[in-house]
């Protein structure tokens, strides 16, 4: 149910109208990772929040498409 809502909010990423938009996750060098998939903007924000929690010098997590 949540995935359907997220895909509807993300919009259509294809020209044929049948392809689902990509869903994203993040992972960090420290071993932390996202708990659930989300749209790109929200995933980037959550990755940035992880970095802020650990302070100066903590690496920025990698955001990647999860299909």
C-alpha atoms as a PDB file:
ATOM      1  CA  UNK A   1       0.000   0.000   0.000  1.00  0.00           C
ATOM      2  CA  UNK A   2       2.742   2.471   0.952  1.00  0.00           C
ATOM      3  CA  UNK A   3       4.745   1.643  -2.181  1.00  0.00           C
ATOM      4  CA  UNK A   4       1.710   2.436  -4.361  1.00  0.00           C
ATOM      5  CA  UNK A   5       1.310   5.808  -2.646  1.00  0.00           C
ATOM      6  CA  UNK A   6       5.030   6.595  -3.009  1.00  0.00           C
ATOM      7  CA  UNK A   7       4.990   5.694  -6.679  1.00  0.00           C
ATOM      8  CA  UNK A   8       1.919   7.863  -7.257  1.00  0.00           C
ATOM      9  CA  UNK A   9       3.601  10.808  -5.522  1.00  0.00           C
ATOM     10  CA  UNK A  10       6.826  10.326  -7.493  1.00  0.00           C
ATOM     11  CA  UNK A  11       4.988  10.559 -10.814  1.00  0.00           C
ATOM     12  CA  UNK A  12       5.503   8.546 -13.977  1.00  0.00           C
ATOM     13  CA  UNK A  13       9.180   8.106 -14.934  1.00  0.00           C
ATOM     14  CA  UNK A  14       8.518   6.515 -18.309  1.00  0.00           C
ATOM     15  CA  UNK A  15       7.019   7.557 -21.608  1.00  0.00           C
ATOM     16  CA  UNK A  16       4.812   4.482 -22.044  1.00  0.00           C
ATOM     17  CA  UNK A  17       2.917   4.986 -18.772  1.00  0.00           C
ATOM     18  CA  UNK A  18       3.422   1.408 -17.557  1.00  0.00           C
ATOM     19  CA  UNK A  19       6.825   1.550 -15.894  1.00  0.00           C
ATOM     20  CA  UNK A  20       7.110   2.238 -12.168  1.00  0.00           C
ATOM     21  CA  UNK A  21       9.375   5.077 -11.031  1.00  0.00           C
ATOM     22  CA  UNK A  22      12.574   4.058  -9.284  1.00  0.00           C
ATOM     23  CA  UNK A  23      12.537   3.618  -5.527  1.00  0.00           C
ATOM     24  CA  UNK A  24      15.650   4.607  -3.588  1.00  0.00           C
ATOM     25  CA  UNK A  25      17.560   3.511  -0.482  1.00  0.00           C
ATOM     26  CA  UNK A  26      20.737   4.752   1.209  1.00  0.00           C
ATOM     27  CA  UNK A  27      23.752   3.033   2.784  1.00  0.00           C
ATOM     28  CA  UNK A  28      26.723   4.426   4.689  1.00  0.00           C
ATOM     29  CA  UNK A  29      30.354   3.387   5.090  1.00  0.00           C
ATOM     30  CA  UNK A  30      29.746   2.992   8.841  1.00  0.00           C
ATOM     31  CA  UNK A  31      27.378   0.078   8.103  1.00  0.00           C
ATOM     32  CA  UNK A  32      24.087   1.935   8.582  1.00  0.00           C
ATOM     33  CA  UNK A  33      21.391   1.630   5.927  1.00  0.00           C
ATOM     34  CA  UNK A  34      17.861   2.811   5.244  1.00  0.00           C
ATOM     35  CA  UNK A  35      15.036   0.867   6.823  1.00  0.00           C
ATOM     36  CA  UNK A  36      12.648   1.221   3.897  1.00  0.00           C
ATOM     37  CA  UNK A  37      12.570   2.387   0.282  1.00  0.00           C
ATOM     38  CA  UNK A  38      11.299   5.850  -0.613  1.00  0.00           C
ATOM     39  CA  UNK A  39      11.246   8.450  -3.394  1.00  0.00           C
ATOM     40  CA  UNK A  40      14.621  10.029  -4.231  1.00  0.00           C
ATOM     41  CA  UNK A  41      14.100  13.395  -2.532  1.00  0.00           C
ATOM     42  CA  UNK A  42      13.056  11.842   0.794  1.00  0.00           C
ATOM     43  CA  UNK A  43      15.849   9.256   0.650  1.00  0.00           C
ATOM     44  CA  UNK A  44      18.469  11.966   0.087  1.00  0.00           C
ATOM     45  CA  UNK A  45      17.080  13.942   3.019  1.00  0.00           C
ATOM     46  CA  UNK A  46      17.107  10.881   5.301  1.00  0.00           C
ATOM     47  CA  UNK A  47      20.710  10.119   4.301  1.00  0.00           C
ATOM     48  CA  UNK A  48      21.667  13.690   5.113  1.00  0.00           C
ATOM     49  CA  UNK A  49      19.929  13.439   8.508  1.00  0.00           C
ATOM     50  CA  UNK A  50      21.997  10.321   9.251  1.00  0.00           C
ATOM     51  CA  UNK A  51      25.162  12.275   8.487  1.00  0.00           C
ATOM     52  CA  UNK A  52      24.068  15.186  10.695  1.00  0.00           C
ATOM     53  CA  UNK A  53      23.412  12.827  13.633  1.00  0.00           C
ATOM     54  CA  UNK A  54      27.043  11.693  13.673  1.00  0.00           C
ATOM     55  CA  UNK A  55      28.621  15.130  13.359  1.00  0.00           C
ATOM     56  CA  UNK A  56      31.550  16.619  11.495  1.00  0.00           C
ATOM     57  CA  UNK A  57      33.671  14.218   9.488  1.00  0.00           C
ATOM     58  CA  UNK A  58      31.069  11.484   9.080  1.00  0.00           C
ATOM     59  CA  UNK A  59      30.807  10.379   5.420  1.00  0.00           C
ATOM     60  CA  UNK A  60      27.734  11.173   3.346  1.00  0.00           C
ATOM     61  CA  UNK A  61      25.711   7.988   2.738  1.00  0.00           C
ATOM     62  CA  UNK A  62      25.308   6.699  -0.805  1.00  0.00           C
ATOM     63  CA  UNK A  63      21.808   6.924  -2.311  1.00  0.00           C
ATOM     64  CA  UNK A  64      20.978   4.210  -4.851  1.00  0.00           C
ATOM     65  CA  UNK A  65      17.983   2.975  -6.839  1.00  0.00           C
ATOM     66  CA  UNK A  66      16.407  -0.202  -5.487  1.00  0.00           C
ATOM     67  CA  UNK A  67      14.409  -2.235  -8.001  1.00  0.00           C
END
